[in-house]
Protein backbone atom coordinates (compact mmCIF):
# COMPACT_ATOMS: atom_id res chain seq x y z
CA UNK A 1 -19.43 167.42 383.00
CA UNK A 2 -17.73 170.52 381.67
CA UNK A 3 -14.15 170.57 382.77
CA UNK A 4 -12.86 167.14 381.87
CA UNK A 5 -9.49 168.13 380.54
CA UNK A 6 -6.86 166.69 378.28
CA UNK A 7 -4.58 166.02 381.16
CA UNK A 8 -0.86 166.43 381.00
CA UNK A 9 2.25 164.38 381.03
CA UNK A 10 3.12 165.08 384.62
CA UNK A 11 5.77 167.36 385.98
CA UNK A 12 8.60 164.82 385.92
CA UNK A 13 7.93 164.16 382.25
CA UNK A 14 7.73 167.89 381.46
CA UNK A 15 11.04 168.59 383.13
CA UNK A 16 12.74 165.39 382.08
CA UNK A 17 14.81 165.15 385.24
CA UNK A 18 14.87 163.18 388.47
CA UNK A 19 13.73 164.56 391.79
CA UNK A 20 16.24 167.02 393.14
CA UNK A 21 17.43 167.60 396.68
CA UNK A 22 17.06 171.17 397.80
CA UNK A 23 20.42 172.61 398.79
CA UNK A 24 23.07 175.19 398.03
CA UNK A 25 23.33 174.05 394.43
CA UNK A 26 19.64 174.57 393.69
CA UNK A 27 17.73 177.71 392.67
CA UNK A 28 14.07 177.81 393.63
CA UNK A 29 11.37 179.36 391.47
CA UNK A 30 9.78 182.42 393.04
CA UNK A 31 6.37 181.85 394.59
CA UNK A 32 3.31 183.85 393.42
CA UNK A 33 2.48 186.81 395.64
CA UNK A 34 -1.30 186.36 395.60
CA UNK A 35 -2.73 186.07 399.15
CA UNK A 36 -3.61 182.50 400.06
CA UNK A 37 -7.24 181.34 400.05
CA UNK A 38 -8.64 184.62 398.72
CA UNK A 39 -11.55 182.82 397.00
CA UNK A 40 -14.62 183.82 398.97
CA UNK A 41 -18.16 182.45 398.58
CA UNK A 42 -19.57 185.93 398.07
CA UNK A 43 -17.32 186.48 395.05
CA UNK A 44 -15.22 189.21 396.68
CA UNK A 45 -11.94 187.57 395.67
CA UNK A 46 -8.58 188.45 394.28
CA UNK A 47 -8.14 187.23 390.70
CA UNK A 48 -6.45 184.85 390.38
CA UNK A 49 -7.11 183.34 393.76
CA UNK A 50 -5.77 180.24 395.49
CA UNK A 51 -8.15 177.59 396.81
CA UNK A 52 -5.62 175.14 398.26
CA UNK A 53 -1.86 174.82 398.61
CA UNK A 54 0.70 172.35 399.93
CA UNK A 55 -0.28 169.84 397.22
CA UNK A 56 2.25 167.09 396.46
CA UNK A 57 2.78 167.11 392.68
CA UNK A 58 -0.87 167.42 391.61
CA UNK A 59 -1.32 165.72 388.26
CA UNK A 60 -4.84 166.25 386.89
CA UNK A 61 -7.92 168.29 387.78
CA UNK A 62 -11.58 167.91 386.75
CA UNK A 63 -14.80 169.52 387.96
CA UNK A 64 -18.57 169.34 388.17
CA UNK A 65 -21.02 172.11 389.00
CA UNK A 66 -20.12 172.24 392.68
CA UNK A 67 -16.62 170.84 393.25
CA UNK A 68 -13.13 170.62 391.78
CA UNK A 69 -11.35 167.25 392.08
CA UNK A 70 -7.69 166.39 391.64
CA UNK A 71 -5.10 163.67 392.17
CA UNK A 72 -1.68 164.25 393.70
CA UNK A 73 0.96 161.96 392.25
CA UNK A 74 3.29 162.16 395.23
CA UNK A 75 7.03 161.56 394.93
CA UNK A 76 8.95 158.94 392.98
CA UNK A 77 9.28 156.67 396.00
CA UNK A 78 5.60 155.92 395.43
CA UNK A 79 2.71 155.08 397.69
CA UNK A 80 2.06 158.60 398.93
CA UNK A 81 -0.35 159.93 396.34
CA UNK A 82 -3.80 161.23 397.25
CA UNK A 83 -7.23 162.23 395.92
CA UNK A 84 -8.91 165.47 397.05
CA UNK A 85 -11.55 168.04 396.21
CA UNK A 86 -12.57 171.59 397.02
CA UNK A 87 -15.86 173.45 396.56
CA UNK A 88 -15.83 175.71 393.51
CA UNK A 89 -16.40 178.67 395.87
CA UNK A 90 -13.40 177.72 398.01
CA UNK A 91 -12.64 175.48 400.95
CA UNK A 92 -10.54 177.78 403.17
CA UNK A 93 -7.46 175.84 402.22
CA UNK A 94 -8.89 172.62 403.71
CA UNK A 95 -9.76 170.28 400.83
CA UNK A 96 -11.83 167.14 401.29
CA UNK A 97 -9.56 164.08 401.20
CA UNK A 98 -10.94 160.86 399.67
CA UNK A 99 -7.84 158.69 399.84
CA UNK A 100 -4.16 158.85 400.80
CA UNK A 101 -1.34 156.33 400.43
CA UNK A 102 -2.17 155.90 396.74
CA UNK A 103 0.41 154.62 394.27
CA UNK A 104 0.98 157.15 391.48
CA UNK A 105 -2.60 158.25 390.75
CA UNK A 106 -2.76 159.94 387.34
CA UNK A 107 -6.38 159.98 386.20
CA UNK A 108 -9.48 161.43 387.88
CA UNK A 109 -13.09 161.78 386.72
CA UNK A 110 -16.52 162.53 388.19
CA UNK A 111 -20.17 162.01 387.27
CA UNK A 112 -21.39 164.30 390.12
CA UNK A 113 -22.35 161.26 392.19
CA UNK A 114 -18.91 159.67 392.52
CA UNK A 115 -15.29 160.62 392.09
CA UNK A 116 -13.16 158.05 390.26
CA UNK A 117 -9.37 157.76 390.07
CA UNK A 118 -6.55 155.50 388.93
CA UNK A 119 -3.68 153.82 390.78
CA UNK A 120 -0.60 151.95 389.59
CA UNK A 121 0.25 148.34 390.44
CA UNK A 122 3.58 148.11 392.26
CA UNK A 123 5.57 145.75 394.49
CA UNK A 124 5.54 146.34 398.24
CA UNK A 125 7.57 149.13 399.81
CA UNK A 126 9.37 148.67 403.14
CA UNK A 127 8.00 145.17 403.61
CA UNK A 128 4.36 146.17 403.19
CA UNK A 129 1.69 144.72 400.94
CA UNK A 130 1.82 145.07 397.14
CA UNK A 131 -0.04 148.01 395.64
CA UNK A 132 -3.11 147.12 393.62
CA UNK A 133 -3.43 148.95 390.33
CA UNK A 134 -6.94 149.83 389.30
CA UNK A 135 -9.84 152.21 388.91
CA UNK A 136 -11.44 153.28 392.22
CA UNK A 137 -14.42 155.31 393.37
CA UNK A 138 -15.97 157.07 396.35
CA UNK A 139 -19.11 159.22 396.70
CA UNK A 140 -18.34 162.89 396.08
CA UNK A 141 -19.47 163.66 399.64
CA UNK A 142 -16.62 161.50 400.97
CA UNK A 143 -15.57 157.87 401.31
CA UNK A 144 -17.56 155.83 403.77
CA UNK A 145 -14.77 153.43 404.64
CA UNK A 146 -12.35 152.16 402.00
CA UNK A 147 -12.64 153.16 398.33
CA UNK A 148 -14.44 150.74 396.03
CA UNK A 149 -12.49 148.97 393.27
CA UNK A 150 -14.24 149.48 389.92
CA UNK A 151 -11.81 147.50 387.78
CA UNK A 152 -8.25 146.18 388.06
CA UNK A 153 -5.54 147.77 385.92
CA UNK A 154 -1.75 147.86 385.79
CA UNK A 155 -0.62 151.40 384.98
CA UNK A 156 -3.67 153.44 383.91
CA UNK A 157 -2.57 156.87 382.73
CA UNK A 158 -5.85 158.77 382.30
CA UNK A 159 -9.55 158.48 383.11
CA UNK A 160 -12.79 160.02 381.85
CA UNK A 161 -16.52 159.39 381.92
CA UNK A 162 -19.34 160.22 379.54
CA UNK A 163 -21.96 159.49 382.21
CA UNK A 164 -22.54 155.91 381.06
CA UNK A 165 -19.01 154.46 381.01
CA UNK A 166 -15.56 155.05 382.41
CA UNK A 167 -12.70 154.94 379.89
CA UNK A 168 -8.99 154.54 380.56
CA UNK A 169 -5.74 153.74 378.73
CA UNK A 170 -3.31 151.31 380.34
CA UNK A 171 0.19 151.62 378.82
CA UNK A 172 1.61 148.82 380.93
CA UNK A 173 5.29 147.98 380.52
CA UNK A 174 4.58 144.35 381.49
CA UNK A 175 1.11 143.69 380.09
CA UNK A 176 -1.18 144.79 377.28
CA UNK A 177 -0.93 148.35 375.99
CA UNK A 178 -4.70 148.69 376.11
CA UNK A 179 -7.78 150.92 376.28
CA UNK A 180 -10.83 149.76 378.25
CA UNK A 181 -14.25 150.91 379.41
CA UNK A 182 -16.45 150.00 382.37
CA UNK A 183 -20.24 150.26 382.51
CA UNK A 184 -21.15 152.57 385.41
CA UNK A 185 -24.32 150.58 386.17
CA UNK A 186 -23.31 146.96 385.72
CA UNK A 187 -19.57 147.29 386.28
CA UNK A 188 -18.85 145.17 383.20
CA UNK A 189 -15.42 145.86 381.69
CA UNK A 190 -14.82 145.79 377.92
CA UNK A 191 -11.35 145.97 376.37
CA UNK A 192 -11.66 148.23 373.33
CA UNK A 193 -8.07 147.81 372.16
CA UNK A 194 -5.34 145.40 373.22
CA UNK A 195 -1.89 146.04 371.77
CA UNK A 196 -0.65 142.67 372.87
CA UNK A 197 2.50 143.88 374.60
CA UNK A 198 4.26 146.66 376.43
CA UNK A 199 4.50 150.21 375.10
CA UNK A 200 7.52 149.31 372.96
CA UNK A 201 6.08 145.97 371.79
CA UNK A 202 6.36 145.31 368.10
CA UNK A 203 2.62 144.77 367.66
CA UNK A 204 1.61 148.08 369.27
CA UNK A 205 0.35 150.80 366.94
CA UNK A 206 0.18 153.64 369.48
CA UNK A 207 3.60 153.98 371.10
CA UNK A 208 2.26 154.38 374.63
CA UNK A 209 -1.45 155.21 375.03
CA UNK A 210 -1.60 158.11 377.44
CA UNK A 211 -4.72 160.30 377.19
CA UNK A 212 -8.30 159.85 375.98
CA UNK A 213 -11.37 161.84 374.90
CA UNK A 214 -14.68 160.46 373.69
CA UNK A 215 -17.70 161.34 371.55
CA UNK A 216 -20.83 159.34 370.72
CA UNK A 217 -19.04 157.00 368.28
CA UNK A 218 -15.33 156.93 368.94
CA UNK A 219 -12.61 157.17 371.51
CA UNK A 220 -9.60 159.30 370.57
CA UNK A 221 -6.29 158.50 372.22
CA UNK A 222 -2.99 160.30 372.27
CA UNK A 223 0.21 158.37 372.62
CA UNK A 224 3.45 159.42 374.29
CA UNK A 225 4.79 160.89 371.05
CA UNK A 226 1.53 162.96 370.66
CA UNK A 227 0.20 160.96 367.70
CA UNK A 228 -3.62 160.83 367.83
CA UNK A 229 -5.59 157.64 367.07
CA UNK A 230 -9.29 156.82 366.70
CA UNK A 231 -10.83 153.68 368.24
CA UNK A 232 -14.53 152.75 367.77
CA UNK A 233 -16.55 152.55 371.00
CA UNK A 234 -17.49 149.06 369.89
CA UNK A 235 -13.79 148.16 369.92
CA UNK A 236 -11.22 147.53 367.21
CA UNK A 237 -7.78 148.50 365.98
CA UNK A 238 -6.65 152.11 366.35
CA UNK A 239 -6.47 154.26 363.21
CA UNK A 240 -3.86 157.01 363.24
CA UNK A 241 -5.66 160.24 362.36
CA UNK A 242 -3.05 162.82 363.38
CA UNK A 243 0.58 161.75 363.07
CA UNK A 244 3.25 163.94 364.60
CA UNK A 245 6.17 165.04 362.44
CA UNK A 246 8.59 165.48 365.35
CA UNK A 247 7.71 163.16 368.24
CA UNK A 248 7.57 164.65 371.70
CA UNK A 249 8.76 162.81 374.77
CA UNK A 250 5.53 163.45 376.69
CA UNK A 251 1.82 163.70 375.82
CA UNK A 252 0.25 167.15 375.70
CA UNK A 253 -3.33 168.37 376.10
CA UNK A 254 -6.30 166.70 374.40
CA UNK A 255 -9.88 167.97 373.98
CA UNK A 256 -12.97 167.36 371.85
CA UNK A 257 -16.25 168.85 370.63
CA UNK A 258 -18.84 167.78 368.06
CA UNK A 259 -16.63 168.79 365.12
CA UNK A 260 -12.98 168.53 366.09
CA UNK A 261 -10.42 166.85 368.28
CA UNK A 262 -7.97 169.38 369.73
CA UNK A 263 -4.47 168.41 370.75
CA UNK A 264 -1.14 169.91 371.67
CA UNK A 265 1.93 169.29 369.53
CA UNK A 266 5.16 171.15 370.15
CA UNK A 267 4.26 174.78 370.87
CA UNK A 268 0.90 174.63 369.09
CA UNK A 269 -2.72 173.66 369.64
CA UNK A 270 -4.06 171.86 366.58
CA UNK A 271 -7.58 170.90 365.47
CA UNK A 272 -8.36 167.60 363.73
CA UNK A 273 -11.62 167.73 361.79
CA UNK A 274 -13.33 164.44 362.59
CA UNK A 275 -15.19 164.28 359.28
CA UNK A 276 -12.31 164.84 356.90
CA UNK A 277 -9.22 164.33 359.07
CA UNK A 278 -7.83 167.71 358.00
CA UNK A 279 -5.62 169.45 360.58
CA UNK A 280 -5.44 173.18 361.25
CA UNK A 281 -3.52 175.39 363.68
CA UNK A 282 -5.70 176.91 366.40
CA UNK A 283 -3.02 178.58 368.54
CA UNK A 284 0.76 178.77 368.42
CA UNK A 285 3.57 180.31 370.42
CA UNK A 286 2.56 178.36 373.53
CA UNK A 287 5.63 177.00 375.26
CA UNK A 288 4.07 173.76 376.51
CA UNK A 289 0.30 173.21 376.01
CA UNK A 290 0.02 170.67 378.82
CA UNK A 291 -3.78 170.64 379.16
CA UNK A 292 -6.93 171.65 377.27
CA UNK A 293 -10.53 172.14 378.43
CA UNK A 294 -13.21 172.72 375.77
CA UNK A 295 -16.36 174.75 376.42
CA UNK A 296 -18.60 173.49 373.63
CA UNK A 297 -21.40 175.93 374.42
CA UNK A 298 -19.16 178.96 374.03
CA UNK A 299 -16.92 177.40 371.33
CA UNK A 300 -13.82 178.16 373.36
CA UNK A 301 -10.70 176.18 374.23
CA UNK A 302 -9.01 176.94 377.54
CA UNK A 303 -5.37 175.94 377.79
CA UNK A 304 -2.69 175.54 380.43
CA UNK A 305 0.88 176.29 379.37
CA UNK A 306 3.29 174.58 381.77
CA UNK A 307 6.08 176.94 380.80
CA UNK A 308 9.73 176.27 380.10
CA UNK A 309 10.66 174.67 383.42
CA UNK A 310 12.99 177.56 384.23
CA UNK A 311 13.55 178.89 387.76
CA UNK A 312 11.47 181.99 386.97
CA UNK A 313 7.73 181.24 386.61
CA UNK A 314 6.68 181.61 382.97
CA UNK A 315 3.58 179.44 382.72
CA UNK A 316 0.25 180.79 381.49
CA UNK A 317 -3.44 179.98 381.22
CA UNK A 318 -5.57 181.36 378.42
CA UNK A 319 -8.32 180.77 375.90
CA UNK A 320 -8.92 180.79 372.17
CA UNK A 321 -11.94 180.27 369.91
CA UNK A 322 -12.37 176.83 368.39
CA UNK A 323 -11.89 178.59 365.03
CA UNK A 324 -8.53 179.94 366.13
CA UNK A 325 -9.60 183.56 366.55
CA UNK A 326 -9.69 185.82 369.59
CA UNK A 327 -6.94 184.17 371.59
CA UNK A 328 -6.03 185.76 374.91
CA UNK A 329 -3.95 185.06 377.99
CA UNK A 330 -5.95 185.06 381.24
CA UNK A 331 -3.01 184.84 383.64
CA UNK A 332 0.76 184.82 383.10
CA UNK A 333 4.00 184.38 385.05
CA UNK A 334 2.53 181.29 386.71
CA UNK A 335 4.29 178.39 388.36
CA UNK A 336 3.88 175.14 386.39
CA UNK A 337 0.20 175.06 385.28
CA UNK A 338 -0.28 171.30 384.86
CA UNK A 339 -4.01 170.76 384.21
CA UNK A 340 -7.07 172.99 383.66
CA UNK A 341 -10.83 172.56 384.08
CA UNK A 342 -13.97 174.72 383.87
CA UNK A 343 -16.91 175.27 386.22
CA UNK A 344 -19.40 178.12 385.99
CA UNK A 345 -17.74 181.45 385.31
CA UNK A 346 -14.26 180.28 386.28
CA UNK A 347 -11.30 178.32 385.01
CA UNK A 348 -9.42 176.28 387.60
CA UNK A 349 -5.89 174.99 387.27
CA UNK A 350 -3.35 173.16 389.34
CA UNK A 351 0.22 174.29 389.74
CA UNK A 352 2.50 171.26 389.93
CA UNK A 353 4.74 173.12 392.35
CA UNK A 354 7.85 175.22 392.73
CA UNK A 355 10.66 174.32 390.32
CA UNK A 356 14.23 173.94 391.51
CA UNK A 357 17.05 174.09 388.98
CA UNK A 358 20.62 172.97 389.57
CA UNK A 359 23.30 175.66 389.51
CA UNK A 360 24.73 174.24 386.28
CA UNK A 361 21.24 174.16 384.70
CA UNK A 362 21.65 170.42 384.08
CA UNK A 363 18.57 169.26 385.97
CA UNK A 364 15.27 170.54 387.28
CA UNK A 365 12.47 169.14 389.38
CA UNK A 366 9.61 170.22 391.60
CA UNK A 367 9.75 170.65 395.34
CA UNK A 368 7.37 168.35 397.23
CA UNK A 369 4.20 169.83 398.71
CA UNK A 370 4.45 173.12 396.81
CA UNK A 371 1.58 172.58 394.37
CA UNK A 372 -1.64 174.62 394.51
CA UNK A 373 -5.19 174.87 393.14
CA UNK A 374 -5.99 178.24 391.55
CA UNK A 375 -9.03 179.95 390.03
CA UNK A 376 -9.49 182.81 387.58
CA UNK A 377 -12.50 184.47 385.95
CA UNK A 378 -13.15 183.25 382.42
């Protein structure tokens, strides 16, 4: 479905700082002034408009023709993540909840019948049961009882579907640094690449597989340094097709069409030609291209710029042609755009939340439950 994005590294990775306690020493980012829940079914809406707020560090958003789905990572204590959705026309600030109490969900995908998401394996908290890492699903209309486990995993960091398979990377610090797929009909799981160790293991080629996109022949993965690798859908060793000159400390956006793979590096969006492996600059002067969504029909790339992480909102969402021409900013002065997706005539993005910065500017983090789902005309 249109709208599967390139994800993002997550707000903690963007800011590079631990959670902060709000107090006298902290400066909070100003909140947008747009009226809440102004997205109306009849289209008489403020632009941009908010569909839902109070989200707890939302991490990734995807969409189908009728709904927008996202995962909320929760805080670093773990075990309080969630999976939700809202109709593309709005949900009066009351999203549909599929699951709560999830451990660090990062990936989400949909095939219009089910919503799928990832969770991280973790030891018990406060004397409870251990957390099972894996890929899970529920019908898009809502879970009828507990979610269904699709496949076990350890620390899956992304998720996508092409309608026939689910794909996910698992950069586990204790097990294989791997990429797998699961047949949506039979449930059979195939490991496409197994690095044979943790993300810093000597046998690993990708440093830490983090994000994935797919075409009819290959899976393209981005590692934590933003190198891009190609893996055949039949399985095999990764081939580095886009090395990064100056490694980042967090993966940036990733997207694909029939000709190119698009990826963020530094303050640029680059295009890798799949036939010849040549690389060209599509857009530059973007502070932090956290997420990409490609509209193949219109030959456009929509991007979410997380911003600098300063106390004053400076994030943006925009678009540019797949040839690099006609770039424009759709909305600016935004709070922490983390992930972007497309549905119909609109682009939807999640704000990770309100940034707080210490008085000495030494650390920054995001206030809990200050994230939001927004929409703007394309």
